[in-house]
Protein backbone atom coordinates (compact mmCIF):
# COMPACT_ATOMS: atom_id res chain seq x y z
CA MET A 1 21.40 -4.95 -30.23
CA ASP A 2 18.46 -2.26 -30.25
CA PRO A 3 16.07 -2.28 -32.85
CA GLY A 4 16.95 -0.30 -35.90
CA SER A 5 21.00 -0.20 -35.03
CA HIS A 6 21.21 -2.99 -37.57
CA LYS A 7 25.09 -3.06 -36.29
CA ASP A 8 26.66 -2.94 -33.40
CA ILE A 9 28.00 1.20 -32.71
CA LYS A 10 31.62 1.39 -32.00
CA SER A 11 32.66 3.47 -29.55
CA THR A 12 35.28 5.16 -31.89
CA LYS A 13 32.06 6.15 -34.50
CA LYS A 14 30.80 9.67 -33.20
CA ARG A 15 27.39 10.65 -32.27
CA LYS A 16 26.15 13.00 -35.13
CA GLU A 17 22.96 13.92 -33.28
CA GLY A 18 20.24 13.28 -30.70
CA LEU A 19 16.60 12.77 -31.52
CA SER A 20 13.26 12.38 -29.88
CA ILE A 21 10.67 10.94 -30.91
CA ILE A 22 7.33 12.32 -28.61
CA ASP A 23 4.56 9.69 -29.34
CA LEU A 24 1.09 10.75 -27.93
CA GLY A 25 -1.55 7.57 -27.89
CA TYR A 26 -4.65 7.41 -27.19
CA ASN A 27 -3.22 5.38 -23.68
CA SER A 28 0.17 6.81 -23.00
CA ILE A 29 2.78 9.01 -24.12
CA LYS A 30 6.08 7.82 -24.82
CA VAL A 31 9.67 9.89 -25.34
CA SER A 32 12.15 7.59 -27.26
CA ASN A 33 15.50 8.89 -27.58
CA TYR A 34 17.81 7.87 -30.13
CA GLY A 35 21.51 8.71 -30.63
CA ILE A 36 22.41 8.80 -34.42
CA TYR A 37 25.72 8.37 -35.80
CA LYS A 38 27.26 9.57 -39.17
CA ASN A 39 27.04 6.02 -40.82
CA GLY A 40 23.00 6.78 -40.75
CA HIS A 41 23.05 3.80 -37.80
CA TYR A 42 21.27 4.64 -34.55
CA LYS A 43 20.81 3.30 -30.90
CA LYS A 44 18.25 4.06 -28.49
CA GLN A 45 19.56 5.49 -25.36
CA ASN A 46 16.50 5.32 -23.29
CA GLN A 47 12.67 6.09 -23.31
CA LEU A 48 10.27 7.77 -20.86
CA GLN A 49 6.82 6.86 -20.64
CA GLU A 50 3.67 8.27 -18.68
CA TYR A 51 0.09 6.88 -18.80
CA VAL A 52 -1.47 10.30 -19.40
CA GLN A 53 -4.77 8.89 -21.32
CA ILE A 54 -5.64 11.62 -23.38
CA GLY A 55 -8.05 9.47 -25.28
CA HIS A 56 -9.83 8.92 -21.64
CA ASN A 57 -13.71 8.59 -22.05
CA LEU A 58 -13.19 10.01 -25.28
CA PHE A 59 -16.58 7.97 -26.50
CA LYS A 60 -18.80 8.48 -23.30
CA ASN A 61 -17.97 12.60 -23.80
CA LYS A 62 -19.22 12.81 -27.53
CA ASN A 63 -15.61 12.58 -29.48
CA VAL A 64 -13.90 15.19 -27.11
CA ILE A 65 -10.61 15.29 -25.17
CA THR A 66 -11.55 17.21 -22.02
CA ASN A 67 -9.52 19.88 -20.61
CA GLN A 68 -8.06 17.41 -17.63
CA ASN A 69 -6.75 15.15 -20.20
CA ILE A 70 -5.21 18.13 -21.83
CA GLU A 71 -3.85 19.45 -18.55
CA ARG A 72 -1.92 16.00 -17.79
CA THR A 73 -0.38 15.70 -20.92
CA VAL A 74 1.18 19.24 -20.84
CA LYS A 75 2.08 18.87 -17.41
CA PHE A 76 4.36 15.34 -18.14
CA LEU A 77 5.43 17.31 -21.26
CA ASN A 78 7.02 20.37 -19.33
CA LYS A 79 8.51 17.62 -16.94
CA ILE A 80 10.45 16.12 -19.53
CA LYS A 81 12.23 19.29 -21.52
CA SER A 82 15.03 19.53 -18.68
CA GLU A 83 15.34 15.77 -19.58
CA LEU A 84 16.01 16.43 -22.94
CA LYS A 85 18.04 19.16 -22.90
CA GLN A 86 20.68 17.37 -20.42
CA MET A 87 20.97 14.22 -23.04
CA LYS A 88 21.96 16.94 -25.55
CA THR A 89 18.80 16.41 -27.75
CA ASN A 90 19.36 18.63 -31.03
CA THR A 91 15.66 17.66 -31.87
CA VAL A 92 12.16 16.41 -30.93
CA VAL A 93 9.59 15.18 -33.04
CA PRO A 94 6.32 15.18 -31.64
CA ILE A 95 3.47 13.09 -33.33
CA ALA A 96 0.08 12.09 -32.15
CA THR A 97 -2.33 9.25 -33.10
CA SER A 98 -5.90 7.62 -32.84
CA ALA A 99 -7.15 9.93 -29.80
CA VAL A 100 -6.08 13.23 -30.88
CA ARG A 101 -7.06 12.40 -34.76
CA ASP A 102 -10.30 11.13 -33.86
CA ALA A 103 -11.22 14.11 -31.82
CA ASP A 104 -13.77 16.62 -32.67
CA ASN A 105 -11.59 19.27 -30.95
CA ARG A 106 -8.23 17.98 -32.26
CA LYS A 107 -7.38 21.57 -33.50
CA ASP A 108 -8.23 23.23 -30.17
CA VAL A 109 -6.16 20.46 -28.53
CA VAL A 110 -3.14 20.77 -30.45
CA GLN A 111 -3.59 24.56 -30.13
CA ALA A 112 -3.70 24.19 -26.03
CA ILE A 113 -0.66 21.99 -25.94
CA LYS A 114 1.62 23.87 -28.07
CA LYS A 115 0.52 27.04 -25.82
CA ASN A 116 0.99 25.64 -22.64
CA SER A 117 4.21 23.39 -23.25
CA GLY A 118 5.78 24.73 -26.42
CA PHE A 119 5.53 21.26 -29.03
CA GLU A 120 3.53 21.35 -31.83
CA PHE A 121 2.07 18.12 -32.40
CA ASN A 122 1.99 16.73 -35.86
CA VAL A 123 -1.42 14.67 -35.89
CA LEU A 124 -0.78 11.50 -37.99
CA SER A 125 -3.92 10.05 -39.96
CA GLY A 126 -4.56 6.07 -40.34
CA PHE A 127 -2.78 6.04 -43.33
CA GLU A 128 0.44 7.41 -42.33
CA GLU A 129 0.02 5.56 -39.02
CA GLY A 130 0.22 2.42 -40.86
CA PHE A 131 2.83 3.37 -43.07
CA PHE A 132 5.47 4.42 -40.23
CA SER A 133 4.44 1.51 -38.25
CA TYR A 134 5.33 -0.62 -41.34
CA LEU A 135 8.55 1.04 -41.88
CA GLY A 136 9.34 0.60 -38.34
CA ALA A 137 8.52 -3.11 -38.15
CA GLN A 138 10.67 -3.81 -41.61
CA SER A 139 13.20 -2.54 -40.83
CA VAL A 140 14.09 -5.33 -38.11
CA MET A 141 11.71 -8.00 -39.46
CA HIS A 142 12.58 -8.41 -43.07
CA ILE A 143 9.17 -9.93 -44.17
CA PRO A 144 8.61 -9.98 -47.94
CA ASN A 145 5.24 -11.38 -47.70
CA GLY A 146 2.32 -10.88 -44.87
CA VAL A 147 0.53 -9.16 -42.82
CA PHE A 148 1.64 -6.47 -39.97
CA PHE A 149 -0.72 -5.00 -37.42
CA ASP A 150 -0.32 -2.46 -35.09
CA LEU A 151 -2.58 -2.79 -32.00
CA GLY A 152 -2.38 0.60 -29.79
CA GLY A 153 -5.19 2.16 -27.71
CA GLY A 154 -7.41 3.40 -29.46
CA SER A 155 -6.66 1.82 -33.36
CA ILE A 156 -5.55 -0.86 -34.81
CA GLU A 157 -3.50 -0.24 -38.39
CA VAL A 158 -3.55 -3.70 -40.34
CA ILE A 159 -0.98 -3.58 -43.43
CA TYR A 160 -1.27 -5.78 -46.28
CA VAL A 161 2.45 -6.39 -47.96
CA GLN A 162 3.59 -8.14 -51.26
CA ASP A 163 7.33 -8.01 -51.75
CA TYR A 164 7.98 -5.12 -49.40
CA LYS A 165 5.64 -3.15 -50.82
CA ILE A 166 2.45 -2.49 -49.08
CA LYS A 167 -0.61 -2.83 -51.12
CA LYS A 168 -3.48 -1.87 -48.44
CA ILE A 169 -3.75 -0.43 -45.04
CA ILE A 170 -6.83 -0.67 -42.74
CA CYS A 171 -7.67 1.69 -39.79
CA LEU A 172 -9.86 0.53 -37.49
CA GLU A 173 -11.67 1.48 -34.05
CA LEU A 174 -10.31 -1.24 -32.23
CA GLY A 175 -7.75 -0.14 -29.65
CA THR A 176 -7.52 -1.63 -26.33
CA LEU A 177 -8.34 1.31 -23.98
CA ARG A 178 -11.14 2.34 -26.39
CA LEU A 179 -12.74 -1.33 -26.07
CA PHE A 180 -12.04 -1.13 -22.48
CA GLU A 181 -14.05 1.99 -21.89
CA LYS A 182 -16.76 0.74 -24.28
CA PHE A 183 -17.08 -2.93 -22.43
CA VAL A 184 -15.90 -3.02 -19.31
CA LYS A 185 -17.22 -2.06 -16.26
CA LEU A 186 -14.56 -1.39 -13.48
CA ASN A 187 -13.86 -5.01 -11.10
CA GLU A 188 -15.95 -6.92 -13.19
CA LYS A 189 -14.93 -10.17 -15.11
CA LEU A 190 -15.13 -10.18 -19.03
CA GLU A 191 -16.41 -13.58 -19.11
CA GLU A 192 -20.05 -12.16 -17.64
CA GLU A 193 -22.65 -12.19 -20.53
CA THR A 194 -23.01 -8.35 -20.55
CA GLY A 195 -19.31 -8.43 -20.90
CA TYR A 196 -17.00 -10.29 -22.75
CA ARG A 197 -19.45 -12.01 -24.76
CA GLN A 198 -20.61 -8.22 -26.31
CA LEU A 199 -16.51 -7.33 -26.60
CA GLU A 200 -16.09 -10.65 -28.91
CA ASP A 201 -19.21 -9.80 -31.00
CA TYR A 202 -18.19 -6.58 -31.64
CA VAL A 203 -14.70 -7.41 -32.56
CA TYR A 204 -16.14 -9.70 -35.14
CA LYS A 205 -18.57 -7.82 -36.76
CA THR A 206 -15.69 -5.10 -37.11
CA LEU A 207 -12.74 -7.46 -37.87
CA THR A 208 -14.67 -8.59 -41.62
CA SER A 209 -13.71 -11.55 -43.30
CA THR A 210 -10.67 -12.13 -45.00
CA ASP A 211 -12.15 -11.80 -48.34
CA HIS A 212 -13.31 -8.30 -47.32
CA PHE A 213 -10.14 -7.49 -46.19
CA GLY A 214 -8.85 -8.45 -50.03
CA PHE A 215 -5.46 -9.96 -48.71
CA ASP A 216 -4.28 -12.53 -51.16
CA THR A 217 -1.77 -13.95 -48.82
CA SER A 218 1.01 -16.29 -50.28
CA ALA A 219 2.03 -19.83 -48.53
CA ASP A 220 5.23 -17.89 -46.93
CA ALA A 221 3.23 -14.77 -45.83
CA LYS A 222 3.63 -13.76 -42.28
CA LEU A 223 1.86 -12.66 -39.25
CA VAL A 224 3.61 -9.60 -37.32
CA GLY A 225 2.15 -8.02 -34.37
CA ILE A 226 3.62 -4.22 -33.37
CA GLY A 227 2.79 -2.75 -29.85
CA GLY A 228 2.92 -2.88 -26.42
CA THR A 229 0.10 -5.28 -26.22
CA VAL A 230 1.26 -7.89 -28.19
CA ARG A 231 4.35 -7.52 -26.35
CA THR A 232 2.81 -7.89 -23.11
CA VAL A 233 1.15 -11.07 -23.99
CA SER A 234 4.33 -12.46 -25.40
CA LYS A 235 5.79 -11.91 -21.96
CA PHE A 236 2.80 -13.25 -20.17
CA ILE A 237 3.12 -16.49 -21.96
CA SER A 238 6.99 -16.73 -21.86
CA GLY A 239 6.62 -16.72 -18.04
CA ILE A 240 3.34 -18.74 -17.48
CA PHE A 241 4.50 -21.62 -19.70
CA GLN A 242 8.50 -21.18 -18.63
CA ASP A 243 9.75 -19.77 -21.98
CA PRO A 244 8.25 -22.03 -24.66
CA LEU A 245 8.19 -19.23 -27.27
CA SER A 246 9.88 -20.00 -30.50
CA PHE A 247 13.03 -17.63 -31.07
CA SER A 248 14.87 -17.30 -34.90
CA TYR A 249 17.00 -14.44 -35.72
CA ASN A 250 15.78 -12.11 -32.72
CA ARG A 251 12.39 -12.84 -33.37
CA VAL A 252 9.32 -14.34 -30.96
CA THR A 253 6.95 -16.25 -32.20
CA MET A 254 3.55 -17.51 -30.54
CA THR A 255 0.68 -19.55 -31.52
CA LYS A 256 -2.52 -19.14 -32.37
CA LYS A 257 -3.07 -22.02 -29.12
CA MET A 258 -0.65 -19.79 -26.81
CA VAL A 259 -3.25 -16.61 -27.71
CA ASP A 260 -6.48 -18.28 -27.23
CA ILE A 261 -5.06 -20.01 -23.87
CA SER A 262 -3.95 -16.87 -22.39
CA ASN A 263 -7.29 -14.98 -23.89
CA ASP A 264 -9.34 -17.56 -21.80
CA VAL A 265 -7.37 -16.89 -18.22
CA PHE A 266 -7.53 -12.96 -18.86
CA LYS A 267 -11.28 -12.75 -19.51
CA ARG A 268 -11.85 -14.82 -16.35
CA LEU A 269 -10.34 -12.34 -14.34
CA SER A 270 -11.39 -9.08 -12.29
CA GLN A 271 -9.40 -5.94 -13.02
CA ASN A 272 -8.05 -6.07 -9.39
CA GLU A 273 -6.89 -9.65 -10.10
CA LEU A 274 -5.34 -8.79 -13.43
CA SER A 275 -3.29 -6.03 -11.50
CA GLN A 276 -1.45 -8.24 -9.27
CA ILE A 277 -0.13 -10.49 -12.27
CA LYS A 278 3.65 -9.48 -11.99
CA LEU A 279 4.08 -10.40 -15.77
CA ILE A 280 1.60 -7.98 -16.97
CA ASP A 281 2.77 -4.01 -16.24
CA PRO A 282 -0.04 -2.35 -14.07
CA GLN A 283 -1.29 0.00 -16.24
CA ARG A 284 -1.50 -2.37 -18.97
CA SER A 285 -3.56 -4.76 -16.74
CA LYS A 286 -6.73 -3.32 -17.46
CA ILE A 287 -6.46 -3.41 -21.17
CA ILE A 288 -4.74 -6.70 -21.55
CA THR A 289 -8.40 -8.60 -21.96
CA THR A 290 -9.36 -6.55 -24.81
CA GLY A 291 -6.33 -7.01 -26.50
CA SER A 292 -5.87 -10.45 -26.72
CA CYS A 293 -9.23 -10.68 -27.97
CA VAL A 294 -8.53 -8.70 -30.49
CA VAL A 295 -5.24 -10.60 -31.16
CA LYS A 296 -7.25 -13.82 -31.02
CA ILE A 297 -10.04 -12.80 -33.43
CA LEU A 298 -7.67 -11.18 -35.80
CA MET A 299 -5.67 -14.62 -36.34
CA GLU A 300 -8.57 -16.51 -36.73
CA LYS A 301 -10.32 -14.02 -39.36
CA LEU A 302 -6.75 -14.28 -41.30
CA GLY A 303 -6.13 -17.81 -40.66
CA PHE A 304 -2.80 -17.58 -39.09
CA ASP A 305 -1.77 -20.15 -36.63
CA ASP A 306 1.72 -18.21 -36.05
CA LEU A 307 2.17 -14.74 -34.79
CA LEU A 308 5.60 -12.65 -34.89
CA VAL A 309 6.18 -10.45 -32.13
CA CYS A 310 8.01 -7.54 -33.57
CA PRO A 311 10.16 -5.04 -31.07
CA SER A 312 9.87 -2.08 -33.22
CA GLY A 313 7.25 -0.07 -34.78
CA LEU A 314 5.62 3.74 -34.98
CA ARG A 315 8.65 5.61 -33.44
CA GLU A 316 11.65 3.80 -35.39
CA GLY A 317 9.28 3.89 -38.77
CA ILE A 318 9.67 7.92 -38.21
CA LEU A 319 12.71 7.57 -37.59
CA GLU A 320 13.90 5.75 -40.17
CA ASN A 321 12.06 7.88 -42.82
CA TYR A 322 13.66 10.80 -40.97
CA LEU A 323 17.08 9.15 -41.87
CA TYR A 324 15.92 8.11 -45.39
CA LEU A 325 15.01 11.40 -46.12
CA SER A 326 17.97 13.14 -44.82
CA MET A 327 21.00 10.63 -45.42
CA ASP A 328 22.87 10.32 -48.93
CA LYS A 329 21.93 7.93 -52.16
CA LYS A 330 24.30 5.24 -50.59
CA TYR A 331 22.44 4.95 -47.41
CA ARG A 332 19.05 4.96 -49.15
CA LEU A 333 20.17 2.20 -51.42
CA LYS A 334 20.38 0.03 -48.31
CA LYS A 335 16.92 0.89 -47.27
CA LYS A 336 15.18 -0.49 -50.34
CA PHE A 337 11.83 -1.62 -48.19
CA ILE A 338 11.73 2.42 -48.07
CA GLY A 339 12.19 3.34 -51.45
CA LEU A 340 10.23 1.09 -53.03
CA ASN A 341 6.75 2.17 -50.93
CA TYR A 342 7.55 5.75 -52.20
CA GLU A 343 7.72 5.37 -55.46
CA ASP A 344 3.78 5.35 -55.70
CA LEU A 345 2.24 6.32 -52.51
CA SER A 346 -1.21 6.64 -54.50
CA SER A 347 -1.09 3.24 -55.45
CA ILE A 348 -1.92 1.97 -51.51
CA GLY A 349 -5.37 1.24 -50.99
CA TYR A 350 -6.74 2.45 -47.72
CA SER A 351 -10.00 2.43 -45.87
CA GLY A 352 -11.11 3.09 -42.11
CA ASN A 353 -13.74 4.22 -40.06
CA SER A 354 -12.03 6.57 -37.96
CA ASP A 355 -10.97 9.24 -40.38
CA ASP A 356 -12.64 12.41 -41.84
CA PHE A 357 -12.46 10.88 -45.48
CA SER A 358 -14.76 8.72 -47.13
CA LYS A 359 -13.69 8.81 -50.67
CA TYR A 360 -9.84 7.87 -51.65
CA GLY A 361 -9.40 9.08 -55.22
CA SER A 362 -6.54 6.38 -56.70
CA GLY A 363 -6.51 4.67 -53.11
CA TYR A 364 -4.58 7.51 -51.20
CA PRO A 365 -6.46 9.65 -48.63
CA GLU A 366 -6.35 13.31 -47.85
CA PRO A 367 -4.76 13.87 -44.59
CA LEU A 368 -6.27 15.45 -41.37
CA TYR A 369 -5.52 18.60 -39.57
CA LEU A 370 -1.55 17.70 -39.38
CA GLY A 371 -0.03 21.15 -38.32
CA GLU A 372 0.08 23.85 -40.77
CA GLN A 373 4.25 22.16 -41.65
CA ILE A 374 2.86 19.23 -43.48
CA LYS A 375 -0.78 19.62 -44.66
CA ASN A 376 0.81 18.21 -48.18
CA PHE A 377 1.70 14.97 -46.98
CA SER A 378 0.95 13.47 -50.62
CA LYS A 379 2.77 16.48 -52.13
CA LYS A 380 5.66 16.04 -49.58
CA PHE A 381 6.92 12.61 -50.77
CA ILE A 382 5.54 12.28 -54.47
CA GLY A 383 7.44 14.19 -57.32
CA SER A 384 9.93 13.76 -59.94
CA LYS A 385 12.54 10.98 -59.24
CA ASN A 386 14.99 14.20 -59.73
CA LYS A 387 13.72 16.59 -57.45
CA ARG A 388 12.26 14.33 -54.81
CA ASN A 389 14.88 13.41 -52.59
CA LYS A 390 15.82 17.17 -52.14
CA THR A 391 12.50 18.09 -51.50
CA LYS A 392 11.49 15.37 -49.22
CA GLN A 393 15.02 16.31 -46.86
CA LYS A 394 13.43 19.94 -46.88
CA GLN A 395 9.93 19.58 -45.79
CA ILE A 396 10.80 16.47 -43.63
CA LYS A 397 12.91 18.75 -41.18
CA ASN A 398 9.32 20.81 -40.60
CA LEU A 399 8.30 17.60 -38.58
CA ASN A 400 10.97 18.68 -35.73
CA VAL A 401 10.79 21.03 -33.13
CA LYS A 402 14.24 22.97 -31.87
CA LEU A 403 14.34 22.63 -28.16
CA ASN A 404 15.95 26.14 -27.94
CA ASP A 405 12.30 27.52 -29.18
CA LEU A 406 10.39 25.78 -26.19
C-alpha cells in the first residue's frame, strides 16, 4: 500500500486526475506522479529523480545560485515534459525549498527556470516546508504527540506536535549537502580532527538544548524522522545487522545505539569507501556521514532512544493539502489532523536562521517570495469558517501549472 492511499484502490474505481509534484531541493529534484481517484484516495504511480544539486557551493558562492546549477535543473525539467504528458498528468505543482529560498538571487532563479522550461516554482518558506512535511508524515504515522523532523540537503525542519496540533516549527541550516560542502574535503575521512570534530561541534551548537527548543514532551511522545537520509540510514542498519529493525503497523523503528554505530562506521570511511557500500545510493554516499551526525545529535538533544522512520513527507503533504482544499466536507472530516492545524495558523510558533525575517508577530512569519500567485499565504488559509473552504479551493489552484501551458 502506497503512503497516503490508506486503502487499496480497487480497479473499478475510476481515476479522477493525474497530479505531479516537482520538488526542487538543495541536492536533488524529485517528480512524484500520483493517480487521484474520485473518493479522494491516491496512489503514487512512479517517481523520477535527478541530483541536479541546484544548491551546490551556495555557501562558497556567497549565497548565489550559479547559472551552471540552473542549467542542470532546466535540462532535467525539459526532459520530463514528454514523460508527464505520456502519463496523462493533468496538473503539475512545482515547489522549491532550501537552496532557492536561501539564495540572494532567488527571484532571478525562479524567473530563469520559468523562461527556459515553462515551470514557475513556488518557493516555500521554512514554516511552509515544515507545515507540509508534517501533513504528509501524519497522513501515514498517526502520532498525536511528539517531534517530527525533515532532514534535507539544505535544511532541517523540526516540528513539535501536541494532540495532532503543531505547536512550533524550527528551521535550521543543517542540511546534509550544506554541511558536506562546509566541512568535508573530497575523499578525506571525517574522523580526522579537521573534519568530523568540527562538524560535530557545529551541529551541537546549532541544535540547542531541549529547553531552548521549548518542547514539553509527554511520556507517550515519539520522534519521527522524514526524508531520504533517514531512510538511507535505516536501510543500511537493516542490511548490516540482518534486519534487526522493529516493524509495527508499517512503521520502522531505529534505536539510538543503531544510529550511533552507523555514524561511527560512516565517519571512519573516505568518500571513495562510502561510495562502494551497496546499501547506500552512490549519490547519497557523500552526505550520509553528515546526515547521520545530525540525527544522532538531535536524538541526544531531545532525549529520544528510538526513532520512527516515516515513508512519506513534503510531497505527500502538498498532495494531502491539495485534496483537503478541493474535496467535499465529508472528505475533510476524515482529515481532522489537517483541519485542526488550519483553525489558527497564527498560534504556531516559528523560528529559523534560514529565512529573511526576524520578527514573527503573533508567531506566524511573513512568507518569502512565493511567486505572484500565492504571496499571501496567511490570508489564503485564514478566514471565517463559512467562507474559508471556498477561498482555499480557489487559491490552492494557483499553485498548479497546466501541462498545455508549457
